[in-house]
């Protein structure tokens, strides 16, 4: 029915907008860490580990990356991704 179809499109649109906003937030966090390399030298990939965790996020979970690396997987890596990069603060 048209009503069901409209609800489906609204749900898809809402999901897309939410994912897009969250992805932008994760990119901004990453750029902040990179712009402050004197404070943040390493990042740890942290995935929510449960039965819904994707293979890609599971494979990166716990990995540590140098902030200057060109190969840092910046979440969101897929739709509904719950992973994030967390700075590792080292004592100086």
Protein backbone atom coordinates (compact mmCIF):
# COMPACT_ATOMS: atom_id res chain seq x y z
CA UNK A 1 0.00 0.00 0.00
CA UNK A 2 1.04 3.61 -0.42
CA UNK A 3 1.07 4.17 3.34
CA UNK A 4 3.43 1.24 3.93
CA UNK A 5 5.64 2.34 1.06
CA UNK A 6 5.81 5.88 2.42
CA UNK A 7 6.74 4.57 5.86
CA UNK A 8 9.48 2.41 4.33
CA UNK A 9 10.95 5.38 2.45
CA UNK A 10 10.75 7.52 5.59
CA UNK A 11 12.54 4.82 7.58
CA UNK A 12 15.24 4.48 4.91
CA UNK A 13 15.66 8.25 4.69
CA UNK A 14 15.88 8.61 8.47
CA UNK A 15 18.44 5.80 8.64
CA UNK A 16 20.52 7.38 5.86
CA UNK A 17 20.46 10.81 7.50
CA UNK A 18 21.37 9.38 10.91
CA UNK A 19 24.24 7.33 9.44
CA UNK A 20 25.50 10.32 7.44
CA UNK A 21 25.50 12.58 10.51
CA UNK A 22 27.28 9.96 12.62
CA UNK A 23 29.87 9.37 9.90
CA UNK A 24 30.54 13.10 9.68
CA UNK A 25 30.99 13.14 13.47
CA UNK A 26 33.53 10.28 13.32
CA UNK A 27 35.48 12.04 10.54
CA UNK A 28 35.52 15.28 12.56
CA UNK A 29 36.82 13.39 15.62
CA UNK A 30 39.56 11.82 13.53
CA UNK A 31 40.57 15.17 12.00
CA UNK A 32 40.68 16.69 15.50
CA UNK A 33 43.01 13.93 16.71
CA UNK A 34 45.20 14.29 13.65
CA UNK A 35 45.37 18.10 14.02
CA UNK A 36 46.55 17.60 17.62
CA UNK A 37 49.28 15.01 17.06
CA UNK A 38 51.37 16.45 19.90
CA UNK A 39 48.70 15.14 22.29
CA UNK A 40 47.22 12.23 20.34
CA UNK A 41 49.87 9.95 18.83
CA UNK A 42 47.97 6.67 18.63
CA UNK A 43 44.37 5.59 18.08
CA UNK A 44 42.73 2.31 19.06
CA UNK A 45 39.92 0.87 16.95
CA UNK A 46 37.10 -0.14 19.30
CA UNK A 47 34.17 -2.22 18.08
CA UNK A 48 31.06 -3.12 20.04
CA UNK A 49 31.53 -6.87 20.31
CA UNK A 50 28.30 -8.88 20.17
CA UNK A 51 26.39 -11.11 17.76
CA UNK A 52 25.76 -8.15 15.42
CA UNK A 53 29.42 -7.12 15.06
CA UNK A 54 30.52 -7.22 11.42
CA UNK A 55 33.53 -9.23 10.27
CA UNK A 56 35.39 -6.07 9.29
CA UNK A 57 34.86 -4.37 12.67
CA UNK A 58 35.68 -7.61 14.50
CA UNK A 59 38.94 -7.84 12.55
CA UNK A 60 40.01 -4.28 13.47
CA UNK A 61 38.87 -4.39 17.12
CA UNK A 62 41.75 -3.52 19.45
CA UNK A 63 44.14 -2.57 16.63
CA UNK A 64 46.36 0.41 17.41
CA UNK A 65 47.28 2.90 14.68
CA UNK A 66 49.86 5.68 14.61
CA UNK A 67 47.97 8.93 14.10
CA UNK A 68 50.10 9.83 11.06
CA UNK A 69 49.36 6.57 9.25
CA UNK A 70 47.59 6.73 5.90
CA UNK A 71 45.87 3.39 6.54
CA UNK A 72 43.60 4.13 9.50
CA UNK A 73 40.11 2.66 9.05
CA UNK A 74 37.89 5.55 10.11
CA UNK A 75 34.42 4.36 11.15
CA UNK A 76 31.70 4.15 10.00
CA UNK A 77 32.87 1.22 7.92
CA UNK A 78 29.36 0.07 6.95
CA UNK A 79 25.68 0.82 7.61
CA UNK A 80 24.79 0.65 11.32
CA UNK A 81 28.48 0.61 12.31
CA UNK A 82 28.96 1.14 16.05
CA UNK A 83 32.76 1.27 16.05
CA UNK A 84 34.95 4.25 16.77
CA UNK A 85 38.54 5.36 17.09
CA UNK A 86 39.64 6.15 20.64
CA UNK A 87 42.82 8.09 21.42
CA UNK A 88 45.49 6.46 23.53
CA UNK A 89 46.94 9.03 25.90
CA UNK A 90 50.52 8.32 26.84
CA UNK A 91 52.15 9.83 29.88
CA UNK A 92 55.07 12.11 29.09
